[in-house]
Protein backbone atom coordinates (compact mmCIF):
# COMPACT_ATOMS: atom_id res chain seq x y z
CA MET A 1 -50.31 7.04 31.01
CA THR A 2 -52.94 7.61 28.33
CA SER A 3 -53.20 5.40 25.29
CA PHE A 4 -51.97 8.30 23.10
CA PHE A 5 -48.76 8.59 25.08
CA ARG A 6 -48.31 4.80 25.19
CA ARG A 7 -48.60 4.56 21.38
CA ARG A 8 -46.24 7.50 20.94
CA TRP A 9 -43.78 5.96 23.45
CA CYS A 10 -43.92 2.63 21.59
CA ARG A 11 -43.31 4.31 18.24
CA LEU A 12 -40.37 6.30 19.61
CA SER A 13 -38.94 3.16 21.20
CA VAL A 14 -39.23 1.23 17.93
CA MET A 15 -37.63 4.10 15.97
CA ALA A 16 -34.79 4.32 18.49
CA LEU A 17 -34.23 0.56 18.27
CA VAL A 18 -34.20 0.70 14.45
CA ALA A 19 -31.79 3.64 14.51
CA LEU A 20 -29.43 1.82 16.87
CA THR A 21 -29.61 -1.35 14.78
CA TRP A 22 -28.92 0.53 11.55
CA GLY A 23 -26.19 2.60 13.15
CA GLY A 24 -24.50 -0.51 14.54
CA ALA A 25 -24.76 -2.27 11.19
CA CYS A 26 -23.18 0.68 9.41
CA GLN A 27 -20.35 0.80 11.91
CA ARG A 28 -19.62 -2.88 11.54
CA GLN A 29 -19.60 -2.59 7.74
CA SER A 30 -17.15 0.32 7.69
CA ALA A 31 -14.77 -1.57 9.98
CA ALA A 32 -14.84 -4.73 7.83
CA PRO A 33 -11.39 -6.21 7.23
CA VAL A 34 -9.78 -6.10 3.80
CA PRO A 35 -10.60 -9.31 1.95
CA PRO A 36 -7.80 -11.87 1.78
CA PRO A 37 -5.69 -12.11 -1.37
CA ALA A 38 -7.18 -14.11 -4.24
CA SER A 39 -4.24 -16.57 -4.21
CA ALA A 40 -1.11 -17.49 -2.31
CA ASP A 41 0.93 -15.82 -5.07
CA GLU A 42 -1.00 -12.58 -4.69
CA GLY A 43 -0.43 -12.73 -0.95
CA ALA A 44 3.31 -13.26 -1.52
CA VAL A 45 3.50 -10.32 -3.95
CA ARG A 46 1.63 -8.08 -1.51
CA ASP A 47 3.97 -9.19 1.29
CA LEU A 48 6.97 -8.27 -0.88
CA VAL A 49 5.47 -4.85 -1.63
CA LYS A 50 4.91 -4.33 2.10
CA LEU A 51 8.54 -5.31 2.84
CA TYR A 52 9.71 -2.96 0.05
CA PHE A 53 8.02 0.04 1.73
CA GLU A 54 8.80 -0.95 5.33
CA SER A 55 12.50 -1.59 4.72
CA TRP A 56 12.93 1.65 2.75
CA SER A 57 11.18 3.63 5.49
CA ALA A 58 13.41 1.96 8.12
CA LYS A 59 16.52 2.97 6.09
CA ASP A 60 17.31 -0.75 5.77
CA ILE A 61 18.64 -0.53 2.23
CA THR A 62 20.11 -4.05 2.42
CA THR A 63 16.67 -5.63 2.97
CA TYR A 64 15.15 -3.16 0.51
CA GLY A 65 17.67 -4.31 -2.11
CA GLU A 66 16.75 -7.95 -1.51
CA CYS A 67 13.26 -7.17 -2.83
CA PHE A 68 14.85 -6.81 -6.29
CA SER A 69 16.39 -9.22 -8.76
CA PRO A 70 20.14 -8.54 -9.03
CA TYR A 71 19.44 -7.74 -12.71
CA ALA A 72 16.58 -5.30 -12.02
CA GLN A 73 16.27 -2.04 -13.90
CA ILE A 74 14.77 1.04 -12.25
CA TRP A 75 13.34 4.07 -14.02
CA TYR A 76 12.21 7.43 -12.76
CA ALA A 77 9.72 8.27 -15.50
CA GLY A 78 11.42 10.26 -18.26
CA GLN A 79 15.00 9.37 -17.29
CA PRO A 80 17.39 6.59 -18.34
CA PRO A 81 17.22 3.37 -16.31
CA LEU A 82 19.52 2.55 -13.44
CA ALA A 83 20.92 -0.84 -12.57
CA LEU A 84 20.18 -2.06 -9.07
CA ASN A 85 23.38 -1.10 -7.22
CA PRO A 86 23.55 2.51 -8.47
CA PHE A 87 19.85 2.87 -7.66
CA LEU A 88 20.34 1.53 -4.11
CA GLU A 89 23.16 4.02 -3.62
CA THR A 90 20.80 6.88 -4.58
CA GLN A 91 18.38 5.64 -1.92
CA ARG A 92 21.12 5.45 0.74
CA GLN A 93 22.17 8.99 -0.15
CA ALA A 94 18.59 10.28 -0.10
CA HIS A 95 18.13 9.04 3.48
CA GLN A 96 21.58 10.21 4.56
CA ASN A 97 21.15 13.71 3.10
CA SER A 98 17.58 14.31 4.23
CA PRO A 99 17.40 16.79 7.12
CA VAL A 100 14.30 14.99 8.45
CA PRO A 101 13.32 11.29 8.51
CA MET A 102 11.57 9.99 5.40
CA THR A 103 8.93 7.27 5.28
CA GLU A 104 6.79 6.00 2.46
CA ASP A 105 3.42 4.27 2.73
CA PRO A 106 1.43 2.40 0.11
CA LEU A 107 -2.07 3.87 -0.18
CA ASP A 108 -3.45 1.38 -2.70
CA ILE A 109 -2.06 -1.76 -4.34
CA ALA A 110 -3.42 -3.47 -7.46
CA VAL A 111 -1.87 -6.83 -8.40
CA THR A 112 -2.25 -9.01 -11.49
CA ILE A 113 -0.46 -12.36 -11.85
CA HIS A 114 0.04 -14.64 -14.85
CA ASN A 115 2.33 -17.63 -15.22
CA GLY A 116 5.02 -16.62 -12.71
CA LEU A 117 4.95 -12.93 -13.66
CA ALA A 118 3.20 -10.19 -11.73
CA HIS A 119 2.42 -6.55 -12.16
CA ALA A 120 1.86 -4.34 -9.12
CA GLN A 121 0.57 -0.79 -9.36
CA ILE A 122 1.07 1.06 -6.09
CA HIS A 123 -0.19 4.52 -5.20
CA TRP A 124 2.08 5.79 -2.41
CA GLU A 125 2.70 8.75 -0.16
CA LEU A 126 6.16 9.92 0.87
CA HIS A 127 6.44 11.74 4.20
CA GLN A 128 9.43 14.02 4.66
CA GLY A 129 8.86 16.07 7.79
CA ALA A 130 5.77 18.21 7.21
CA ASP A 131 5.96 17.65 3.44
CA ASN A 132 4.02 14.87 1.75
CA VAL A 133 4.37 13.81 -1.87
CA ARG A 134 2.26 11.22 -3.65
CA GLY A 135 3.08 9.14 -6.67
CA TYR A 136 2.97 5.72 -8.29
CA ASP A 137 5.26 2.71 -8.53
CA PHE A 138 4.68 0.27 -11.35
CA MET A 139 6.52 -2.98 -10.69
CA THR A 140 7.06 -6.04 -12.79
CA LEU A 141 7.93 -9.06 -10.67
CA ALA A 142 9.08 -12.56 -11.53
CA GLN A 143 8.87 -15.71 -9.47
CA THR A 144 12.15 -17.60 -9.41
CA ASP A 145 13.07 -20.51 -7.15
CA GLY A 146 9.74 -20.15 -5.34
CA HIS A 147 10.00 -16.48 -4.39
CA TRP A 148 9.06 -13.16 -5.99
CA GLN A 149 11.49 -10.38 -6.91
CA ILE A 150 11.12 -7.02 -8.61
CA VAL A 151 12.72 -7.13 -12.07
CA ALA A 152 11.58 -3.68 -13.24
CA LEU A 153 10.38 -0.59 -11.40
CA VAL A 154 9.06 2.65 -12.88
CA PHE A 155 8.05 5.40 -10.50
CA LYS A 156 6.75 8.93 -10.80
CA GLU A 157 5.49 11.61 -8.44
CA GLU A 158 2.06 13.12 -8.94
CA LYS A 159 1.97 16.68 -10.17
CA PRO A 160 0.61 19.11 -7.54
């Protein structure tokens, strides 16, 4: 092998090694886990939000209802509020009357907490067969007796 080819081979080998190293580093960065919650309270609020979506999607309206304070008020933006029990009945009926299974997934959750009160802003996607709808839930939560509950919920679908 001539010195020209050896130098060229070395350069190509170094470039390939650099490319593999950079490629591997980029892959590891994109697969990085989501950072842990800033506090135990934030973790508890996020766990409640997760339970809220999972239980609704599983048609477990009893567990879904336990995410709320018994005195909670629920608003669909632009309409009068509903008390908890009438709201839960609308959710039971929605699942019962849907011709296809419905599930809802949180896409993004932002949480702020101050002195036993929390605000959660959730961007979600509702799946109903082949149809998907996105929207937002804005929740106010209160910590009572060591656990968090939703005391107010306002939700609205995005406009297409």
